[in-house]
Amino acid sequence: MHDCMHNLLFHNRRVDQFCGWICGNVILGISCKWWRDEHNEHHLFTNTGVEGVGPSDPQMIEDGVWMQDPMIEQFYHDIPPLARKLMARFQHLYFIPACVFVGPYTIKFLSIVFAGKRPMEHFGIALYFAYVAVLLSYFPTWKEALFFYAIGNMCLGVLSVQLLVSHYSKPWVEKDTVKESGAWAKRQVESVVDISCPPWLDWFHGGLHLHSPHHLFPRMPRCYYREVHKEVIDMCKKNEVPLEVMPWFEAIANTLRHLRQVGELINSKKVD
């Protein structure tokens, strides 16, 4: 779905969008157009917000779940201060369980809620639940069926961990700063963490672990990421732009450590 909604498979918007509908709505139960709209904003204004207004990157904020940057706290004004502090205090502990065990179901629910007045979006999601119900009906018992469905969703949750650790440890900035001349490419690099791994392990990450090439060239096929990543590293060194590259488990530990530090910072403030 991701590559289809970037129009990089066939370079034909109508064909790619239809394939995205098949992969997203029908196969995954996720509204491809709702996801596409938010993902485009994510690429334009990665980890940005407007003071006193709200976040500009809808895919990097989970309302009422966690705050990976102090700037985000102001956007949770409808949550009592004490509840925000409690959430921030423990967010590094429940981050991975929430992604793996809860996230896959949440995105399906939000797809239904935010698909809007788009009949084909709802029709595709209905097809998803229909074929899943038929598939699960072949299991001997309903317990085995639910266990199978849960395992499948957990695998999707592991992928979401990989995607979030590529951004969550990076700071948020004011939206206007990325509108300055020459600031966009620099921001794309500064707001990501690239995950290093052997080439034979690329399948596990789906190719998006080398996130800087993807953010700089969204329509470039993933098979070129490794080659381009070398050039991105050289470019960053030449222009003295920081680019973080680290192994998978180190990236997770870095994210959890960052969430804990942000939580401590938020809890050190006086309750308004």
C-alpha atoms as a PDB file:
ATOM      1  CA  MET A   1       0.000   0.000   0.000  1.00  0.00           C
ATOM      2  CA  HIS A   2       2.763   2.418   0.931  1.00  0.00           C
ATOM      3  CA  ASP A   3       4.552   2.204  -2.416  1.00  0.00           C
ATOM      4  CA  CYS A   4       1.304   2.262  -4.378  1.00  0.00           C
ATOM      5  CA  MET A   5       0.098   5.450  -2.701  1.00  0.00           C
ATOM      6  CA  HIS A   6       3.484   7.035  -3.506  1.00  0.00           C
ATOM      7  CA  ASN A   7       2.720   6.186  -7.163  1.00  0.00           C
ATOM      8  CA  LEU A   8       6.108   4.526  -7.594  1.00  0.00           C
ATOM      9  CA  LEU A   9       5.092   1.105  -8.903  1.00  0.00           C
ATOM     10  CA  PHE A  10       3.503   1.949 -12.238  1.00  0.00           C
ATOM     11  CA  HIS A  11       3.906   5.739 -12.283  1.00  0.00           C
ATOM     12  CA  ASN A  12       0.277   5.865 -13.304  1.00  0.00           C
ATOM     13  CA  ARG A  13      -1.808   7.509 -10.611  1.00  0.00           C
ATOM     14  CA  ARG A  14      -5.032   5.668 -11.407  1.00  0.00           C
ATOM     15  CA  VAL A  15      -3.399   2.235 -11.541  1.00  0.00           C
ATOM     16  CA  ASP A  16      -1.252   2.816  -8.451  1.00  0.00           C
ATOM     17  CA  GLN A  17      -4.166   4.144  -6.432  1.00  0.00           C
ATOM     18  CA  PHE A  18      -6.271   1.115  -7.357  1.00  0.00           C
ATOM     19  CA  CYS A  19      -3.454  -1.246  -6.334  1.00  0.00           C
ATOM     20  CA  GLY A  20      -3.157   0.727  -3.106  1.00  0.00           C
ATOM     21  CA  TRP A  21      -6.865   0.177  -2.497  1.00  0.00           C
ATOM     22  CA  ILE A  22      -6.417  -3.571  -3.002  1.00  0.00           C
ATOM     23  CA  CYS A  23      -3.358  -3.787  -0.741  1.00  0.00           C
ATOM     24  CA  GLY A  24      -4.624  -1.368   1.893  1.00  0.00           C
ATOM     25  CA  ASN A  25      -8.390  -1.610   2.190  1.00  0.00           C
ATOM     26  CA  VAL A  26      -8.991  -5.152   0.993  1.00  0.00           C
ATOM     27  CA  ILE A  27      -5.870  -6.975   2.225  1.00  0.00           C
ATOM     28  CA  LEU A  28      -5.009  -4.981   5.366  1.00  0.00           C
ATOM     29  CA  GLY A  29      -8.305  -3.353   6.334  1.00  0.00           C
ATOM     30  CA  ILE A  30      -6.699   0.113   6.275  1.00  0.00           C
ATOM     31  CA  SER A  31      -8.205   3.056   4.396  1.00  0.00           C
ATOM     32  CA  CYS A  32      -5.593   3.794   1.734  1.00  0.00           C
ATOM     33  CA  LYS A  33      -6.831   7.318   0.958  1.00  0.00           C
ATOM     34  CA  TRP A  34      -7.057   8.387   4.591  1.00  0.00           C
ATOM     35  CA  TRP A  35      -3.568   6.972   5.109  1.00  0.00           C
ATOM     36  CA  ARG A  36      -2.312   8.659   1.909  1.00  0.00           C
ATOM     37  CA  ASP A  37      -3.615  12.081   2.923  1.00  0.00           C
ATOM     38  CA  GLU A  38      -1.874  11.893   6.291  1.00  0.00           C
ATOM     39  CA  HIS A  39       1.287  10.400   4.823  1.00  0.00           C
ATOM     40  CA  ASN A  40       1.666  13.242   2.337  1.00  0.00           C
ATOM     41  CA  GLU A  41       1.535  15.682   5.245  1.00  0.00           C
ATOM     42  CA  HIS A  42       4.089  13.571   7.066  1.00  0.00           C
ATOM     43  CA  HIS A  43       6.538  13.865   4.181  1.00  0.00           C
ATOM     44  CA  LEU A  44       6.013  17.590   3.775  1.00  0.00           C
ATOM     45  CA  PHE A  45       6.217  18.570   7.439  1.00  0.00           C
ATOM     46  CA  THR A  46       7.997  15.744   9.259  1.00  0.00           C
ATOM     47  CA  ASN A  47       7.996  16.182  13.058  1.00  0.00           C
ATOM     48  CA  THR A  48       6.650  19.739  12.924  1.00  0.00           C
ATOM     49  CA  GLY A  49       3.905  21.693  14.639  1.00  0.00           C
ATOM     50  CA  VAL A  50       2.557  25.205  15.106  1.00  0.00           C
ATOM     51  CA  GLU A  51       2.749  26.667  18.597  1.00  0.00           C
ATOM     52  CA  GLY A  52      -0.718  27.189  20.005  1.00  0.00           C
ATOM     53  CA  VAL A  53      -2.385  25.621  16.966  1.00  0.00           C
ATOM     54  CA  GLY A  54      -1.539  21.963  16.538  1.00  0.00           C
ATOM     55  CA  PRO A  55       0.687  19.322  14.913  1.00  0.00           C
ATOM     56  CA  SER A  56       1.530  19.494  11.203  1.00  0.00           C
ATOM     57  CA  ASP A  57       2.619  15.857  11.004  1.00  0.00           C
ATOM     58  CA  PRO A  58      -0.496  13.735  11.695  1.00  0.00           C
ATOM     59  CA  GLN A  59       1.329  10.401  11.418  1.00  0.00           C
ATOM     60  CA  MET A  60       3.855  11.206  14.121  1.00  0.00           C
ATOM     61  CA  ILE A  61       1.377  12.038  16.864  1.00  0.00           C
ATOM     62  CA  GLU A  62      -0.887   9.615  18.716  1.00  0.00           C
ATOM     63  CA  ASP A  63      -3.524  11.613  20.573  1.00  0.00           C
ATOM     64  CA  GLY A  64      -3.556  10.721  24.236  1.00  0.00           C
ATOM     65  CA  VAL A  65      -1.074   7.850  23.875  1.00  0.00           C
ATOM     66  CA  TRP A  66       2.444   9.300  24.256  1.00  0.00           C
ATOM     67  CA  MET A  67       4.487  12.452  23.807  1.00  0.00           C
ATOM     68  CA  GLN A  68       7.829  11.869  22.141  1.00  0.00           C
ATOM     69  CA  ASP A  69       8.694  15.588  22.248  1.00  0.00           C
ATOM     70  CA  PRO A  70       7.939  18.306  24.823  1.00  0.00           C
ATOM     71  CA  MET A  71       6.351  20.402  22.063  1.00  0.00           C
ATOM     72  CA  ILE A  72       3.550  17.860  21.726  1.00  0.00           C
ATOM     73  CA  GLU A  73       2.271  18.339  25.287  1.00  0.00           C
ATOM     74  CA  GLN A  74       0.557  21.633  24.389  1.00  0.00           C
ATOM     75  CA  PHE A  75      -1.524  19.813  21.754  1.00  0.00           C
ATOM     76  CA  TYR A  76      -3.065  17.625  24.479  1.00  0.00           C
ATOM     77  CA  HIS A  77      -4.879  20.512  26.143  1.00  0.00           C
ATOM     78  CA  ASP A  78      -8.069  18.452  26.402  1.00  0.00           C
ATOM     79  CA  ILE A  79      -6.278  15.923  28.633  1.00  0.00           C
ATOM     80  CA  PRO A  80      -5.957  16.872  32.333  1.00  0.00           C
ATOM     81  CA  PRO A  81      -2.385  17.874  33.304  1.00  0.00           C
ATOM     82  CA  LEU A  82      -2.059  15.080  35.851  1.00  0.00           C
ATOM     83  CA  ALA A  83      -3.133  12.516  33.240  1.00  0.00           C
ATOM     84  CA  ARG A  84      -0.561  13.895  30.806  1.00  0.00           C
ATOM     85  CA  LYS A  85       2.169  13.572  33.412  1.00  0.00           C
ATOM     86  CA  LEU A  86       1.137  10.020  34.232  1.00  0.00           C
ATOM     87  CA  MET A  87       1.156   9.107  30.559  1.00  0.00           C
ATOM     88  CA  ALA A  88       4.583  10.675  30.027  1.00  0.00           C
ATOM     89  CA  ARG A  89       6.046   8.955  33.090  1.00  0.00           C
ATOM     90  CA  PHE A  90       5.349   5.447  31.781  1.00  0.00           C
ATOM     91  CA  GLN A  91       5.344   5.930  27.991  1.00  0.00           C
ATOM     92  CA  HIS A  92       8.746   4.284  27.533  1.00  0.00           C
ATOM     93  CA  LEU A  93       7.396   1.151  29.222  1.00  0.00           C
ATOM     94  CA  TYR A  94       4.253   0.674  27.163  1.00  0.00           C
ATOM     95  CA  PHE A  95       5.535   1.975  23.800  1.00  0.00           C
ATOM     96  CA  ILE A  96       6.460  -1.428  22.325  1.00  0.00           C
ATOM     97  CA  PRO A  97       3.473  -3.371  23.767  1.00  0.00           C
ATOM     98  CA  ALA A  98       1.127  -0.674  22.459  1.00  0.00           C
ATOM     99  CA  CYS A  99       2.663  -0.805  18.972  1.00  0.00           C
ATOM    100  CA  VAL A 100       2.689  -4.593  18.739  1.00  0.00           C
ATOM    101  CA  PHE A 101      -0.518  -5.588  20.510  1.00  0.00           C
ATOM    102  CA  VAL A 102      -2.817  -2.565  20.130  1.00  0.00           C
ATOM    103  CA  GLY A 103      -1.648  -0.522  17.146  1.00  0.00           C
ATOM    104  CA  PRO A 104      -2.779  -2.899  14.352  1.00  0.00           C
ATOM    105  CA  TYR A 105      -6.358  -2.871  15.641  1.00  0.00           C
ATOM    106  CA  THR A 106      -6.359   0.877  16.302  1.00  0.00           C
ATOM    107  CA  ILE A 107      -5.413   1.776  12.730  1.00  0.00           C
ATOM    108  CA  LYS A 108      -8.233  -0.405  11.401  1.00  0.00           C
ATOM    109  CA  PHE A 109     -10.717   1.300  13.710  1.00  0.00           C
ATOM    110  CA  LEU A 110      -9.461   4.763  12.740  1.00  0.00           C
ATOM    111  CA  SER A 111      -9.726   3.811   9.080  1.00  0.00           C
ATOM    112  CA  ILE A 112     -13.445   3.238   9.499  1.00  0.00           C
ATOM    113  CA  VAL A 113     -13.864   6.476  11.447  1.00  0.00           C
ATOM    114  CA  PHE A 114     -11.820   8.738   9.166  1.00  0.00           C
ATOM    115  CA  ALA A 115     -12.439   7.195   5.750  1.00  0.00           C
ATOM    116  CA  GLY A 116     -15.112   9.851   5.382  1.00  0.00           C
ATOM    117  CA  LYS A 117     -17.751   9.905   2.686  1.00  0.00           C
ATOM    118  CA  ARG A 118     -15.825   7.606   0.391  1.00  0.00           C
ATOM    119  CA  PRO A 119     -18.004   4.575  -0.395  1.00  0.00           C
ATOM    120  CA  MET A 120     -15.193   2.619  -2.060  1.00  0.00           C
ATOM    121  CA  GLU A 121     -13.029   2.992   1.032  1.00  0.00           C
ATOM    122  CA  HIS A 122     -15.716   1.466   3.239  1.00  0.00           C
ATOM    123  CA  PHE A 123     -16.500  -1.177   0.626  1.00  0.00           C
ATOM    124  CA  GLY A 124     -12.852  -2.265   0.541  1.00  0.00           C
ATOM    125  CA  ILE A 125     -12.693  -2.484   4.338  1.00  0.00           C
ATOM    126  CA  ALA A 126     -15.918  -4.519   4.306  1.00  0.00           C
ATOM    127  CA  LEU A 127     -14.297  -6.940   1.845  1.00  0.00           C
ATOM    128  CA  TYR A 128     -11.364  -7.254   4.235  1.00  0.00           C
ATOM    129  CA  PHE A 129     -13.533  -8.280   7.167  1.00  0.00           C
ATOM    130  CA  ALA A 130     -15.557 -10.596   4.909  1.00  0.00           C
ATOM    131  CA  TYR A 131     -12.588 -12.576   3.596  1.00  0.00           C
ATOM    132  CA  VAL A 132     -10.942 -12.659   7.046  1.00  0.00           C
ATOM    133  CA  ALA A 133     -14.165 -14.050   8.519  1.00  0.00           C
ATOM    134  CA  VAL A 134     -14.312 -16.733   5.823  1.00  0.00           C
ATOM    135  CA  LEU A 135     -10.641 -17.618   6.344  1.00  0.00           C
ATOM    136  CA  LEU A 136     -10.996 -17.865  10.115  1.00  0.00           C
ATOM    137  CA  SER A 137     -14.129 -20.010   9.784  1.00  0.00           C
ATOM    138  CA  TYR A 138     -11.957 -22.878   8.510  1.00  0.00           C
ATOM    139  CA  PHE A 139     -10.150 -23.221  11.830  1.00  0.00           C
ATOM    140  CA  PRO A 140     -11.337 -26.088  14.066  1.00  0.00           C
ATOM    141  CA  THR A 141     -12.098 -23.770  16.994  1.00  0.00           C
ATOM    142  CA  TRP A 142     -12.707 -20.062  17.415  1.00  0.00           C
ATOM    143  CA  LYS A 143      -9.791 -19.883  19.866  1.00  0.00           C
ATOM    144  CA  GLU A 144      -7.375 -21.097  17.203  1.00  0.00           C
ATOM    145  CA  ALA A 145      -8.882 -18.654  14.711  1.00  0.00           C
ATOM    146  CA  LEU A 146      -8.442 -15.684  17.044  1.00  0.00           C
ATOM    147  CA  PHE A 147      -4.909 -16.796  17.907  1.00  0.00           C
ATOM    148  CA  PHE A 148      -3.997 -16.923  14.208  1.00  0.00           C
ATOM    149  CA  TYR A 149      -5.503 -13.477  13.600  1.00  0.00           C
ATOM    150  CA  ALA A 150      -3.681 -12.047  16.634  1.00  0.00           C
ATOM    151  CA  ILE A 151      -0.311 -13.427  15.485  1.00  0.00           C
ATOM    152  CA  GLY A 152      -0.813 -11.887  12.053  1.00  0.00           C
ATOM    153  CA  ASN A 153      -1.557  -8.503  13.542  1.00  0.00           C
ATOM    154  CA  MET A 154       1.421  -8.727  15.891  1.00  0.00           C
ATOM    155  CA  CYS A 155       3.691  -9.076  12.846  1.00  0.00           C
ATOM    156  CA  LEU A 156       2.168  -5.875  11.487  1.00  0.00           C
ATOM    157  CA  GLY A 157       2.793  -4.281  14.869  1.00  0.00           C
ATOM    158  CA  VAL A 158       6.502  -5.158  14.737  1.00  0.00           C
ATOM    159  CA  LEU A 159       6.721  -3.298  11.414  1.00  0.00           C
ATOM    160  CA  SER A 160       5.098  -0.245  13.009  1.00  0.00           C
ATOM    161  CA  VAL A 161       7.831  -0.270  15.683  1.00  0.00           C
ATOM    162  CA  GLN A 162      10.451  -0.106  12.925  1.00  0.00           C
ATOM    163  CA  LEU A 163       8.702   2.820  11.267  1.00  0.00           C
ATOM    164  CA  LEU A 164       8.238   4.804  14.480  1.00  0.00           C
ATOM    165  CA  VAL A 165      11.789   4.395  15.783  1.00  0.00           C
ATOM    166  CA  SER A 166      12.885   6.049  12.538  1.00  0.00           C
ATOM    167  CA  HIS A 167      11.356   9.313  13.809  1.00  0.00           C
ATOM    168  CA  TYR A 168      10.418   9.238  17.490  1.00  0.00           C
ATOM    169  CA  SER A 169      13.828  10.109  18.911  1.00  0.00           C
ATOM    170  CA  LYS A 170      14.165  13.160  16.671  1.00  0.00           C
ATOM    171  CA  PRO A 171      13.052  16.628  17.845  1.00  0.00           C
ATOM    172  CA  TRP A 172      10.001  18.517  16.676  1.00  0.00           C
ATOM    173  CA  VAL A 173      10.348  22.027  15.232  1.00  0.00           C
ATOM    174  CA  GLU A 174       8.117  24.912  14.183  1.00  0.00           C
ATOM    175  CA  LYS A 175       6.424  24.300  10.845  1.00  0.00           C
ATOM    176  CA  ASP A 176       7.621  27.606   9.376  1.00  0.00           C
ATOM    177  CA  THR A 177      11.261  26.583   9.741  1.00  0.00           C
ATOM    178  CA  VAL A 178      10.913  23.956   6.999  1.00  0.00           C
ATOM    179  CA  LYS A 179       9.451  26.522   4.603  1.00  0.00           C
ATOM    180  CA  GLU A 180      12.723  28.424   4.391  1.00  0.00           C
ATOM    181  CA  SER A 181      14.745  28.106   1.194  1.00  0.00           C
ATOM    182  CA  GLY A 182      16.886  24.955   1.219  1.00  0.00           C
ATOM    183  CA  ALA A 183      15.496  23.789   4.557  1.00  0.00           C
ATOM    184  CA  TRP A 184      13.308  20.937   3.324  1.00  0.00           C
ATOM    185  CA  ALA A 185      16.045  18.442   2.378  1.00  0.00           C
ATOM    186  CA  LYS A 186      18.019  19.240   5.518  1.00  0.00           C
ATOM    187  CA  ARG A 187      14.930  18.669   7.628  1.00  0.00           C
ATOM    188  CA  GLN A 188      14.224  15.317   5.981  1.00  0.00           C
ATOM    189  CA  VAL A 189      17.663  14.083   7.016  1.00  0.00           C
ATOM    190  CA  GLU A 190      17.632  15.573  10.512  1.00  0.00           C
ATOM    191  CA  SER A 191      14.234  14.077  11.351  1.00  0.00           C
ATOM    192  CA  VAL A 192      15.064  10.433  10.619  1.00  0.00           C
ATOM    193  CA  VAL A 193      17.138   7.617  12.053  1.00  0.00           C
ATOM    194  CA  ASP A 194      18.486   5.120   9.524  1.00  0.00           C
ATOM    195  CA  ILE A 195      18.707   1.512  10.694  1.00  0.00           C
ATOM    196  CA  SER A 196      21.742  -0.459   9.588  1.00  0.00           C
ATOM    197  CA  CYS A 197      21.555  -4.172   8.866  1.00  0.00           C
ATOM    198  CA  PRO A 198      23.044  -6.774   6.483  1.00  0.00           C
ATOM    199  CA  PRO A 199      21.495  -6.799   2.976  1.00  0.00           C
ATOM    200  CA  TRP A 200      19.993 -10.237   3.591  1.00  0.00           C
ATOM    201  CA  LEU A 201      17.926  -8.767   6.463  1.00  0.00           C
ATOM    202  CA  ASP A 202      16.295  -6.020   4.399  1.00  0.00           C
ATOM    203  CA  TRP A 203      13.152  -8.143   4.066  1.00  0.00           C
ATOM    204  CA  PHE A 204      12.503  -7.858   7.805  1.00  0.00           C
ATOM    205  CA  HIS A 205      12.317  -4.055   7.641  1.00  0.00           C
ATOM    206  CA  GLY A 206      10.543  -3.898   4.307  1.00  0.00           C
ATOM    207  CA  GLY A 207      13.305  -1.680   2.943  1.00  0.00           C
ATOM    208  CA  LEU A 208      12.215   1.419   4.833  1.00  0.00           C
ATOM    209  CA  HIS A 209      14.919   1.083   7.495  1.00  0.00           C
ATOM    210  CA  LEU A 210      17.061   3.301   5.268  1.00  0.00           C
ATOM    211  CA  HIS A 211      14.636   6.121   5.835  1.00  0.00           C
ATOM    212  CA  SER A 212      16.640   9.122   4.648  1.00  0.00           C
ATOM    213  CA  PRO A 213      16.661   8.014   0.978  1.00  0.00           C
ATOM    214  CA  HIS A 214      12.936   7.426   1.174  1.00  0.00           C
ATOM    215  CA  HIS A 215      12.209  10.863   2.615  1.00  0.00           C
ATOM    216  CA  LEU A 216      14.492  12.587   0.141  1.00  0.00           C
ATOM    217  CA  PHE A 217      13.231  10.606  -2.856  1.00  0.00           C
ATOM    218  CA  PRO A 218       9.724   9.294  -1.998  1.00  0.00           C
ATOM    219  CA  ARG A 219       9.082   7.825  -5.455  1.00  0.00           C
ATOM    220  CA  MET A 220      12.373   5.963  -5.728  1.00  0.00           C
ATOM    221  CA  PRO A 221      12.087   2.132  -5.606  1.00  0.00           C
ATOM    222  CA  ARG A 222      13.528   0.547  -2.478  1.00  0.00           C
ATOM    223  CA  CYS A 223      15.979  -1.617  -4.418  1.00  0.00           C
ATOM    224  CA  TYR A 224      18.103   1.509  -4.924  1.00  0.00           C
ATOM    225  CA  TYR A 225      18.132   2.646  -1.293  1.00  0.00           C
ATOM    226  CA  ARG A 226      21.442   1.041  -0.342  1.00  0.00           C
ATOM    227  CA  GLU A 227      23.260   2.565  -3.285  1.00  0.00           C
ATOM    228  CA  VAL A 228      21.757   5.999  -2.731  1.00  0.00           C
ATOM    229  CA  HIS A 229      22.258   5.828   1.035  1.00  0.00           C
ATOM    230  CA  LYS A 230      26.030   5.911   0.536  1.00  0.00           C
ATOM    231  CA  GLU A 231      25.667   9.120  -1.449  1.00  0.00           C
ATOM    232  CA  VAL A 232      23.353  10.606   1.189  1.00  0.00           C
ATOM    233  CA  ILE A 233      25.952   9.907   3.898  1.00  0.00           C
ATOM    234  CA  ASP A 234      28.677  11.558   1.813  1.00  0.00           C
ATOM    235  CA  MET A 235      26.433  14.541   1.111  1.00  0.00           C
ATOM    236  CA  CYS A 236      25.653  14.976   4.814  1.00  0.00           C
ATOM    237  CA  LYS A 237      29.330  14.824   5.767  1.00  0.00           C
ATOM    238  CA  LYS A 238      30.205  17.368   3.086  1.00  0.00           C
ATOM    239  CA  ASN A 239      27.529  19.794   4.281  1.00  0.00           C
ATOM    240  CA  GLU A 240      27.930  19.011   8.008  1.00  0.00           C
ATOM    241  CA  VAL A 241      24.348  17.808   8.353  1.00  0.00           C
ATOM    242  CA  PRO A 242      23.903  15.189  11.120  1.00  0.00           C
ATOM    243  CA  LEU A 243      22.519  11.833  10.016  1.00  0.00           C
ATOM    244  CA  GLU A 244      22.016   9.095  12.598  1.00  0.00           C
ATOM    245  CA  VAL A 245      22.640   5.498  11.528  1.00  0.00           C
ATOM    246  CA  MET A 246      22.412   2.672  14.058  1.00  0.00           C
ATOM    247  CA  PRO A 247      21.477  -1.027  14.361  1.00  0.00           C
ATOM    248  CA  TRP A 248      17.870  -2.125  14.961  1.00  0.00           C
ATOM    249  CA  PHE A 249      18.074  -2.893  18.680  1.00  0.00           C
ATOM    250  CA  GLU A 250      20.156   0.204  19.353  1.00  0.00           C
ATOM    251  CA  ALA A 251      17.508   2.296  17.582  1.00  0.00           C
ATOM    252  CA  ILE A 252      14.806   0.794  19.787  1.00  0.00           C
ATOM    253  CA  ALA A 253      16.850   1.407  22.944  1.00  0.00           C
ATOM    254  CA  ASN A 254      17.544   4.956  21.773  1.00  0.00           C
ATOM    255  CA  THR A 255      13.829   5.598  21.265  1.00  0.00           C
ATOM    256  CA  LEU A 256      12.857   4.165  24.651  1.00  0.00           C
ATOM    257  CA  ARG A 257      15.578   6.198  26.340  1.00  0.00           C
ATOM    258  CA  HIS A 258      14.343   9.324  24.569  1.00  0.00           C
ATOM    259  CA  LEU A 259      10.730   8.670  25.606  1.00  0.00           C
ATOM    260  CA  ARG A 260      11.842   8.249  29.221  1.00  0.00           C
ATOM    261  CA  GLN A 261      13.840  11.496  29.128  1.00  0.00           C
ATOM    262  CA  VAL A 262      10.921  13.429  27.649  1.00  0.00           C
ATOM    263  CA  GLY A 263       8.646  11.939  30.287  1.00  0.00           C
ATOM    264  CA  GLU A 264      11.004  13.049  33.048  1.00  0.00           C
ATOM    265  CA  LEU A 265      11.169  16.543  31.564  1.00  0.00           C
ATOM    266  CA  ILE A 266       7.384  16.850  31.389  1.00  0.00           C
ATOM    267  CA  ASN A 267       6.985  15.563  34.946  1.00  0.00           C
ATOM    268  CA  SER A 268       9.552  18.082  36.211  1.00  0.00           C
ATOM    269  CA  LYS A 269       7.254  20.933  35.230  1.00  0.00           C
ATOM    270  CA  LYS A 270       4.704  22.354  37.600  1.00  0.00           C
ATOM    271  CA  VAL A 271       1.103  21.317  36.984  1.00  0.00           C
ATOM    272  CA  ASP A 272      -0.811  24.140  35.285  1.00  0.00           C
END
